[in-house]
PDB file of all heavy atoms in Angstrom:
ATOM      1  N   LEU A   1      86.828  40.045 133.919  1.00  0.00           N
ATOM      2  CA  LEU A   1      85.740  40.752 133.235  1.00  0.00           C
ATOM      3  C   LEU A   1      85.723  42.227 133.613  1.00  0.00           C
ATOM      4  O   LEU A   1      85.599  43.098 132.741  1.00  0.00           O
ATOM      5  CB  LEU A   1      84.387  40.104 133.552  1.00  0.00           C
ATOM      6  CG  LEU A   1      84.169  38.709 132.971  1.00  0.00           C
ATOM      7  CD1 LEU A   1      82.923  38.075 133.572  1.00  0.00           C
ATOM      8  CD2 LEU A   1      84.081  38.744 131.456  1.00  0.00           C
ATOM      9  N   ILE A   2      85.856  42.515 134.897  1.00  0.00           N
ATOM     10  CA  ILE A   2      85.848  43.908 135.357  1.00  0.00           C
ATOM     11  C   ILE A   2      87.026  44.680 134.780  1.00  0.00           C
ATOM     12  O   ILE A   2      86.876  45.805 134.306  1.00  0.00           O
ATOM     13  CB  ILE A   2      85.863  43.979 136.910  1.00  0.00           C
ATOM     14  CG1 ILE A   2      84.538  43.496 137.473  1.00  0.00           C
ATOM     15  CG2 ILE A   2      86.174  45.392 137.400  1.00  0.00           C
ATOM     16  CD1 ILE A   2      83.355  44.416 137.273  1.00  0.00           C
ATOM     17  N   VAL A   3      88.195  44.083 134.800  1.00  0.00           N
ATOM     18  CA  VAL A   3      89.386  44.750 134.249  1.00  0.00           C
ATOM     19  C   VAL A   3      89.174  45.019 132.755  1.00  0.00           C
ATOM     20  O   VAL A   3      89.497  46.099 132.254  1.00  0.00           O
ATOM     21  CB  VAL A   3      90.656  43.916 134.515  1.00  0.00           C
ATOM     22  CG1 VAL A   3      91.834  44.433 133.703  1.00  0.00           C
ATOM     23  CG2 VAL A   3      90.980  43.920 136.010  1.00  0.00           C
ATOM     24  N   ASP A   4      88.575  44.069 132.053  1.00  0.00           N
ATOM     25  CA  ASP A   4      88.341  44.222 130.614  1.00  0.00           C
ATOM     26  C   ASP A   4      87.345  45.344 130.302  1.00  0.00           C
ATOM     27  O   ASP A   4      87.531  46.087 129.351  1.00  0.00           O
ATOM     28  CB  ASP A   4      87.850  42.905 130.014  1.00  0.00           C
ATOM     29  CG  ASP A   4      88.025  42.827 128.512  1.00  0.00           C
ATOM     30  OD1 ASP A   4      88.593  43.764 127.910  1.00  0.00           O
ATOM     31  OD2 ASP A   4      87.600  41.831 127.919  1.00  0.00           O
ATOM     32  N   ILE A   5      86.306  45.478 131.121  1.00  0.00           N
ATOM     33  CA  ILE A   5      85.306  46.503 130.817  1.00  0.00           C
ATOM     34  C   ILE A   5      85.667  47.878 131.369  1.00  0.00           C
ATOM     35  O   ILE A   5      85.075  48.875 130.963  1.00  0.00           O
ATOM     36  CB  ILE A   5      83.890  46.127 131.322  1.00  0.00           C
ATOM     37  CG1 ILE A   5      83.830  46.062 132.833  1.00  0.00           C
ATOM     38  CG2 ILE A   5      83.406  44.862 130.677  1.00  0.00           C
ATOM     39  CD1 ILE A   5      82.435  45.868 133.383  1.00  0.00           C
ATOM     40  N   SER A   6      86.634  47.956 132.256  1.00  0.00           N
ATOM     41  CA  SER A   6      86.930  49.232 132.907  1.00  0.00           C
ATOM     42  C   SER A   6      87.303  50.331 131.924  1.00  0.00           C
ATOM     43  O   SER A   6      86.999  51.494 132.154  1.00  0.00           O
ATOM     44  CB  SER A   6      88.024  49.067 133.962  1.00  0.00           C
ATOM     45  OG  SER A   6      89.236  48.694 133.363  1.00  0.00           O
ATOM     46  N   GLY A   7      87.906  49.969 130.803  1.00  0.00           N
ATOM     47  CA  GLY A   7      88.304  50.978 129.825  1.00  0.00           C
ATOM     48  C   GLY A   7      87.189  51.414 128.887  1.00  0.00           C
ATOM     49  O   GLY A   7      87.300  52.456 128.239  1.00  0.00           O
ATOM     50  N   ASN A   8      86.127  50.646 128.792  1.00  0.00           N
ATOM     51  CA  ASN A   8      85.030  50.999 127.876  1.00  0.00           C
ATOM     52  C   ASN A   8      83.661  50.773 128.524  1.00  0.00           C
ATOM     53  O   ASN A   8      82.755  50.213 127.917  1.00  0.00           O
ATOM     54  CB  ASN A   8      85.157  50.226 126.570  1.00  0.00           C
ATOM     55  CG  ASN A   8      85.114  48.725 126.768  1.00  0.00           C
ATOM     56  OD1 ASN A   8      85.207  48.234 127.876  1.00  0.00           O
ATOM     57  ND2 ASN A   8      84.964  47.986 125.689  1.00  0.00           N
ATOM     58  N   LEU A   9      83.522  51.256 129.746  1.00  0.00           N
ATOM     59  CA  LEU A   9      82.295  51.043 130.513  1.00  0.00           C
ATOM     60  C   LEU A   9      81.077  51.650 129.827  1.00  0.00           C
ATOM     61  O   LEU A   9      80.006  51.044 129.808  1.00  0.00           O
ATOM     62  CB  LEU A   9      82.461  51.609 131.922  1.00  0.00           C
ATOM     63  CG  LEU A   9      81.307  51.378 132.882  1.00  0.00           C
ATOM     64  CD1 LEU A   9      80.982  49.891 133.015  1.00  0.00           C
ATOM     65  CD2 LEU A   9      81.636  51.973 134.245  1.00  0.00           C
ATOM     66  N   LYS A  10      81.227  52.829 129.259  1.00  0.00           N
ATOM     67  CA  LYS A  10      80.092  53.490 128.605  1.00  0.00           C
ATOM     68  C   LYS A  10      79.536  52.625 127.470  1.00  0.00           C
ATOM     69  O   LYS A  10      78.330  52.442 127.336  1.00  0.00           O
ATOM     70  CB  LYS A  10      80.511  54.858 128.076  1.00  0.00           C
ATOM     71  CG  LYS A  10      79.373  55.672 127.530  1.00  0.00           C
ATOM     72  CD  LYS A  10      79.827  57.060 127.143  1.00  0.00           C
ATOM     73  CE  LYS A  10      78.654  57.873 126.630  1.00  0.00           C
ATOM     74  NZ  LYS A  10      79.057  59.232 126.273  1.00  0.00           N
ATOM     75  N   GLU A  11      80.424  52.055 126.680  1.00  0.00           N
ATOM     76  CA  GLU A  11      80.018  51.175 125.569  1.00  0.00           C
ATOM     77  C   GLU A  11      79.290  49.935 126.089  1.00  0.00           C
ATOM     78  O   GLU A  11      78.267  49.520 125.549  1.00  0.00           O
ATOM     79  CB  GLU A  11      81.253  50.767 124.766  1.00  0.00           C
ATOM     80  CG  GLU A  11      80.978  49.793 123.649  1.00  0.00           C
ATOM     81  CD  GLU A  11      82.267  49.290 123.003  1.00  0.00           C
ATOM     82  OE1 GLU A  11      83.196  50.104 122.819  1.00  0.00           O
ATOM     83  OE2 GLU A  11      82.341  48.091 122.713  1.00  0.00           O
ATOM     84  N   VAL A  12      79.809  49.356 127.163  1.00  0.00           N
ATOM     85  CA  VAL A  12      79.193  48.161 127.732  1.00  0.00           C
ATOM     86  C   VAL A  12      77.815  48.504 128.310  1.00  0.00           C
ATOM     87  O   VAL A  12      76.862  47.752 128.135  1.00  0.00           O
ATOM     88  CB  VAL A  12      80.108  47.513 128.794  1.00  0.00           C
ATOM     89  CG1 VAL A  12      79.434  46.339 129.461  1.00  0.00           C
ATOM     90  CG2 VAL A  12      81.426  47.070 128.162  1.00  0.00           C
ATOM     91  N   LEU A  13      77.699  49.644 128.983  1.00  0.00           N
ATOM     92  CA  LEU A  13      76.406  50.074 129.519  1.00  0.00           C
ATOM     93  C   LEU A  13      75.368  50.204 128.406  1.00  0.00           C
ATOM     94  O   LEU A  13      74.216  49.819 128.577  1.00  0.00           O
ATOM     95  CB  LEU A  13      76.542  51.410 130.248  1.00  0.00           C
ATOM     96  CG  LEU A  13      76.901  51.333 131.723  1.00  0.00           C
ATOM     97  CD1 LEU A  13      77.321  52.695 132.248  1.00  0.00           C
ATOM     98  CD2 LEU A  13      75.763  50.785 132.539  1.00  0.00           C
ATOM     99  N   GLN A  14      75.783  50.710 127.268  1.00  0.00           N
ATOM    100  CA  GLN A  14      74.852  50.857 126.142  1.00  0.00           C
ATOM    101  C   GLN A  14      74.391  49.502 125.619  1.00  0.00           C
ATOM    102  O   GLN A  14      73.262  49.351 125.186  1.00  0.00           O
ATOM    103  CB  GLN A  14      75.496  51.670 125.019  1.00  0.00           C
ATOM    104  CG  GLN A  14      75.659  53.131 125.375  1.00  0.00           C
ATOM    105  CD  GLN A  14      76.466  53.905 124.343  1.00  0.00           C
ATOM    106  OE1 GLN A  14      77.191  53.337 123.537  1.00  0.00           O
ATOM    107  NE2 GLN A  14      76.352  55.215 124.381  1.00  0.00           N
ATOM    108  N   LYS A  15      75.247  48.508 125.675  1.00  0.00           N
ATOM    109  CA  LYS A  15      74.884  47.162 125.219  1.00  0.00           C
ATOM    110  C   LYS A  15      73.859  46.511 126.147  1.00  0.00           C
ATOM    111  O   LYS A  15      73.046  45.707 125.710  1.00  0.00           O
ATOM    112  CB  LYS A  15      76.120  46.267 125.120  1.00  0.00           C
ATOM    113  CG  LYS A  15      77.014  46.589 123.964  1.00  0.00           C
ATOM    114  CD  LYS A  15      78.196  45.642 123.941  1.00  0.00           C
ATOM    115  CE  LYS A  15      79.145  45.968 122.813  1.00  0.00           C
ATOM    116  NZ  LYS A  15      80.311  45.080 122.811  1.00  0.00           N
ATOM    117  N   VAL A  16      73.929  46.846 127.429  1.00  0.00           N
ATOM    118  CA  VAL A  16      73.020  46.246 128.395  1.00  0.00           C
ATOM    119  C   VAL A  16      71.621  46.810 128.239  1.00  0.00           C
ATOM    120  O   VAL A  16      70.644  46.077 128.200  1.00  0.00           O
ATOM    121  CB  VAL A  16      73.528  46.442 129.844  1.00  0.00           C
ATOM    122  CG1 VAL A  16      72.488  45.978 130.845  1.00  0.00           C
ATOM    123  CG2 VAL A  16      74.830  45.698 130.037  1.00  0.00           C
ATOM    124  N   GLY A  17      71.518  48.125 128.162  1.00  0.00           N
ATOM    125  CA  GLY A  17      70.207  48.741 128.006  1.00  0.00           C
ATOM    126  C   GLY A  17      69.424  48.786 129.301  1.00  0.00           C
ATOM    127  O   GLY A  17      69.876  49.306 130.304  1.00  0.00           O
ATOM    128  N   ASN A  18      68.261  48.176 129.311  1.00  0.00           N
ATOM    129  CA  ASN A  18      67.346  48.256 130.453  1.00  0.00           C
ATOM    130  C   ASN A  18      67.377  46.953 131.269  1.00  0.00           C
ATOM    131  O   ASN A  18      67.980  45.969 130.853  1.00  0.00           O
ATOM    132  CB  ASN A  18      65.939  48.555 129.950  1.00  0.00           C
ATOM    133  CG  ASN A  18      65.444  47.483 128.996  1.00  0.00           C
ATOM    134  OD1 ASN A  18      65.531  46.292 129.279  1.00  0.00           O
ATOM    135  ND2 ASN A  18      64.929  47.894 127.852  1.00  0.00           N
ATOM    136  N   PRO A  19      66.705  46.955 132.430  1.00  0.00           N
ATOM    137  CA  PRO A  19      66.717  45.746 133.269  1.00  0.00           C
ATOM    138  C   PRO A  19      66.213  44.482 132.575  1.00  0.00           C
ATOM    139  O   PRO A  19      66.735  43.394 132.820  1.00  0.00           O
ATOM    140  CB  PRO A  19      65.820  46.133 134.450  1.00  0.00           C
ATOM    141  CG  PRO A  19      66.000  47.608 134.568  1.00  0.00           C
ATOM    142  CD  PRO A  19      66.101  48.086 133.134  1.00  0.00           C
ATOM    143  N   GLN A  20      65.222  44.591 131.679  1.00  0.00           N
ATOM    144  CA  GLN A  20      64.723  43.394 130.996  1.00  0.00           C
ATOM    145  C   GLN A  20      65.778  42.836 130.036  1.00  0.00           C
ATOM    146  O   GLN A  20      65.986  41.629 129.957  1.00  0.00           O
ATOM    147  CB  GLN A  20      63.422  43.681 130.231  1.00  0.00           C
ATOM    148  CG  GLN A  20      62.825  42.440 129.577  1.00  0.00           C
ATOM    149  CD  GLN A  20      62.543  41.308 130.563  1.00  0.00           C
ATOM    150  OE1 GLN A  20      61.958  41.521 131.615  1.00  0.00           O
ATOM    151  NE2 GLN A  20      62.978  40.100 130.242  1.00  0.00           N
ATOM    152  N   ALA A  21      66.460  43.725 129.316  1.00  0.00           N
ATOM    153  CA  ALA A  21      67.532  43.279 128.424  1.00  0.00           C
ATOM    154  C   ALA A  21      68.656  42.631 129.237  1.00  0.00           C
ATOM    155  O   ALA A  21      69.247  41.631 128.819  1.00  0.00           O
ATOM    156  CB  ALA A  21      68.073  44.461 127.618  1.00  0.00           C
ATOM    157  N   ALA A  22      68.930  43.186 130.414  1.00  0.00           N
ATOM    158  CA  ALA A  22      69.951  42.621 131.294  1.00  0.00           C
ATOM    159  C   ALA A  22      69.543  41.221 131.748  1.00  0.00           C
ATOM    160  O   ALA A  22      70.359  40.302 131.768  1.00  0.00           O
ATOM    161  CB  ALA A  22      70.174  43.532 132.499  1.00  0.00           C
ATOM    162  N   LYS A  23      68.271  41.037 132.095  1.00  0.00           N
ATOM    163  CA  LYS A  23      67.783  39.721 132.515  1.00  0.00           C
ATOM    164  C   LYS A  23      67.928  38.710 131.380  1.00  0.00           C
ATOM    165  O   LYS A  23      68.330  37.570 131.605  1.00  0.00           O
ATOM    166  CB  LYS A  23      66.330  39.793 132.967  1.00  0.00           C
ATOM    167  CG  LYS A  23      65.822  38.450 133.463  1.00  0.00           C
ATOM    168  CD  LYS A  23      64.322  38.424 133.587  1.00  0.00           C
ATOM    169  CE  LYS A  23      63.796  37.085 134.021  1.00  0.00           C
ATOM    170  NZ  LYS A  23      64.242  35.935 133.223  1.00  0.00           N
ATOM    171  N   ASN A  24      67.622  39.114 130.167  1.00  0.00           N
ATOM    172  CA  ASN A  24      67.771  38.217 129.020  1.00  0.00           C
ATOM    173  C   ASN A  24      69.225  37.783 128.859  1.00  0.00           C
ATOM    174  O   ASN A  24      69.501  36.634 128.517  1.00  0.00           O
ATOM    175  CB  ASN A  24      67.267  38.879 127.740  1.00  0.00           C
ATOM    176  CG  ASN A  24      65.766  39.105 127.770  1.00  0.00           C
ATOM    177  OD1 ASN A  24      65.038  38.472 128.522  1.00  0.00           O
ATOM    178  ND2 ASN A  24      65.303  40.026 126.953  1.00  0.00           N
ATOM    179  N   LEU A  25      70.145  38.691 129.102  1.00  0.00           N
ATOM    180  CA  LEU A  25      71.571  38.381 129.012  1.00  0.00           C
ATOM    181  C   LEU A  25      71.951  37.349 130.076  1.00  0.00           C
ATOM    182  O   LEU A  25      72.680  36.400 129.795  1.00  0.00           O
ATOM    183  CB  LEU A  25      72.405  39.647 129.185  1.00  0.00           C
ATOM    184  CG  LEU A  25      73.910  39.433 129.200  1.00  0.00           C
ATOM    185  CD1 LEU A  25      74.399  38.991 127.828  1.00  0.00           C
ATOM    186  CD2 LEU A  25      74.623  40.677 129.652  1.00  0.00           C
ATOM    187  N   VAL A  26      71.447  37.537 131.277  1.00  0.00           N
ATOM    188  CA  VAL A  26      71.712  36.583 132.361  1.00  0.00           C
ATOM    189  C   VAL A  26      71.245  35.196 131.938  1.00  0.00           C
ATOM    190  O   VAL A  26      71.958  34.207 132.075  1.00  0.00           O
ATOM    191  CB  VAL A  26      71.021  37.042 133.667  1.00  0.00           C
ATOM    192  CG1 VAL A  26      71.002  35.931 134.697  1.00  0.00           C
ATOM    193  CG2 VAL A  26      71.720  38.275 134.225  1.00  0.00           C
ATOM    194  N   ASP A  27      70.048  35.120 131.390  1.00  0.00           N
ATOM    195  CA  ASP A  27      69.495  33.833 130.958  1.00  0.00           C
ATOM    196  C   ASP A  27      70.348  33.192 129.852  1.00  0.00           C
ATOM    197  O   ASP A  27      70.581  31.990 129.864  1.00  0.00           O
ATOM    198  CB  ASP A  27      68.055  34.003 130.457  1.00  0.00           C
ATOM    199  CG  ASP A  27      67.093  34.404 131.571  1.00  0.00           C
ATOM    200  OD1 ASP A  27      67.432  34.224 132.760  1.00  0.00           O
ATOM    201  OD2 ASP A  27      66.006  34.921 131.246  1.00  0.00           O
ATOM    202  N   ARG A  28      70.838  33.990 128.922  1.00  0.00           N
ATOM    203  CA  ARG A  28      71.622  33.477 127.786  1.00  0.00           C
ATOM    204  C   ARG A  28      73.003  32.971 128.188  1.00  0.00           C
ATOM    205  O   ARG A  28      73.555  32.080 127.550  1.00  0.00           O
ATOM    206  CB  ARG A  28      71.824  34.592 126.752  1.00  0.00           C
ATOM    207  CG  ARG A  28      70.774  34.702 125.711  1.00  0.00           C
ATOM    208  CD  ARG A  28      71.199  35.533 124.498  1.00  0.00           C
ATOM    209  NE  ARG A  28      72.288  36.456 124.679  1.00  0.00           N
ATOM    210  CZ  ARG A  28      72.159  37.775 124.832  1.00  0.00           C
ATOM    211  NH1 ARG A  28      70.984  38.324 124.863  1.00  0.00           N
ATOM    212  NH2 ARG A  28      73.201  38.537 124.950  1.00  0.00           N
ATOM    213  N   THR A  29      73.577  33.545 129.204  1.00  0.00           N
ATOM    214  CA  THR A  29      74.973  33.222 129.537  1.00  0.00           C
ATOM    215  C   THR A  29      75.121  32.031 130.473  1.00  0.00           C
ATOM    216  O   THR A  29      76.223  31.492 130.604  1.00  0.00           O
ATOM    217  CB  THR A  29      75.674  34.432 130.173  1.00  0.00           C
ATOM    218  OG1 THR A  29      74.925  34.848 131.310  1.00  0.00           O
ATOM    219  CG2 THR A  29      75.812  35.571 129.185  1.00  0.00           C
ATOM    220  N   LYS A  30      74.061  31.615 131.101  1.00  0.00           N
ATOM    221  CA  LYS A  30      74.138  30.502 132.055  1.00  0.00           C
ATOM    222  C   LYS A  30      74.739  29.252 131.402  1.00  0.00           C
ATOM    223  O   LYS A  30      75.636  28.616 131.963  1.00  0.00           O
ATOM    224  CB  LYS A  30      72.746  30.209 132.597  1.00  0.00           C
ATOM    225  CG  LYS A  30      72.685  29.060 133.566  1.00  0.00           C
ATOM    226  CD  LYS A  30      71.232  28.889 134.043  1.00  0.00           C
ATOM    227  CE  LYS A  30      71.058  27.694 134.900  1.00  0.00           C
ATOM    228  NZ  LYS A  30      69.659  27.557 135.356  1.00  0.00           N
ATOM    229  N   GLY A  31      74.281  28.909 130.217  1.00  0.00           N
ATOM    230  CA  GLY A  31      74.787  27.728 129.522  1.00  0.00           C
ATOM    231  C   GLY A  31      76.267  27.837 129.187  1.00  0.00           C
ATOM    232  O   GLY A  31      77.012  26.861 129.316  1.00  0.00           O
ATOM    233  N   ILE A  32      76.681  29.012 128.771  1.00  0.00           N
ATOM    234  CA  ILE A  32      78.096  29.243 128.456  1.00  0.00           C
ATOM    235  C   ILE A  32      78.945  29.000 129.700  1.00  0.00           C
ATOM    236  O   ILE A  32      79.949  28.282 129.671  1.00  0.00           O
ATOM    237  CB  ILE A  32      78.330  30.685 127.941  1.00  0.00           C
ATOM    238  CG1 ILE A  32      77.593  30.923 126.627  1.00  0.00           C
ATOM    239  CG2 ILE A  32      79.821  30.983 127.801  1.00  0.00           C
ATOM    240  CD1 ILE A  32      77.550  32.385 126.194  1.00  0.00           C
ATOM    241  N   LEU A  33      78.525  29.586 130.795  1.00  0.00           N
ATOM    242  CA  LEU A  33      79.284  29.469 132.033  1.00  0.00           C
ATOM    243  C   LEU A  33      79.358  28.023 132.516  1.00  0.00           C
ATOM    244  O   LEU A  33      80.426  27.547 132.900  1.00  0.00           O
ATOM    245  CB  LEU A  33      78.661  30.347 133.123  1.00  0.00           C
ATOM    246  CG  LEU A  33      78.780  31.850 132.888  1.00  0.00           C
ATOM    247  CD1 LEU A  33      77.864  32.612 133.828  1.00  0.00           C
ATOM    248  CD2 LEU A  33      80.221  32.301 133.032  1.00  0.00           C
ATOM    249  N   LYS A  34      78.228  27.326 132.492  1.00  0.00           N
ATOM    250  CA  LYS A  34      78.210  25.946 132.979  1.00  0.00           C
ATOM    251  C   LYS A  34      79.033  25.020 132.087  1.00  0.00           C
ATOM    252  O   LYS A  34      79.600  24.042 132.564  1.00  0.00           O
ATOM    253  CB  LYS A  34      76.771  25.454 133.109  1.00  0.00           C
ATOM    254  CG  LYS A  34      76.085  26.053 134.319  1.00  0.00           C
ATOM    255  CD  LYS A  34      74.877  25.268 134.724  1.00  0.00           C
ATOM    256  CE  LYS A  34      74.418  25.746 136.090  1.00  0.00           C
ATOM    257  NZ  LYS A  34      73.554  24.808 136.744  1.00  0.00           N
ATOM    258  N   ALA A  35      79.119  25.342 130.801  1.00  0.00           N
ATOM    259  CA  ALA A  35      79.890  24.506 129.884  1.00  0.00           C
ATOM    260  C   ALA A  35      81.399  24.716 130.039  1.00  0.00           C
ATOM    261  O   ALA A  35      82.178  23.794 129.828  1.00  0.00           O
ATOM    262  CB  ALA A  35      79.474  24.791 128.443  1.00  0.00           C
TER     263      ALA A  35
END
């Protein structure tokens, strides 16, 4: 993941936004990871 984002970090940062949006992302990805 880090290697993949290293070339476009600015774009990825814009997708994250603020801490609340980041928390929502954490909540959404748990199921993907566990599956």
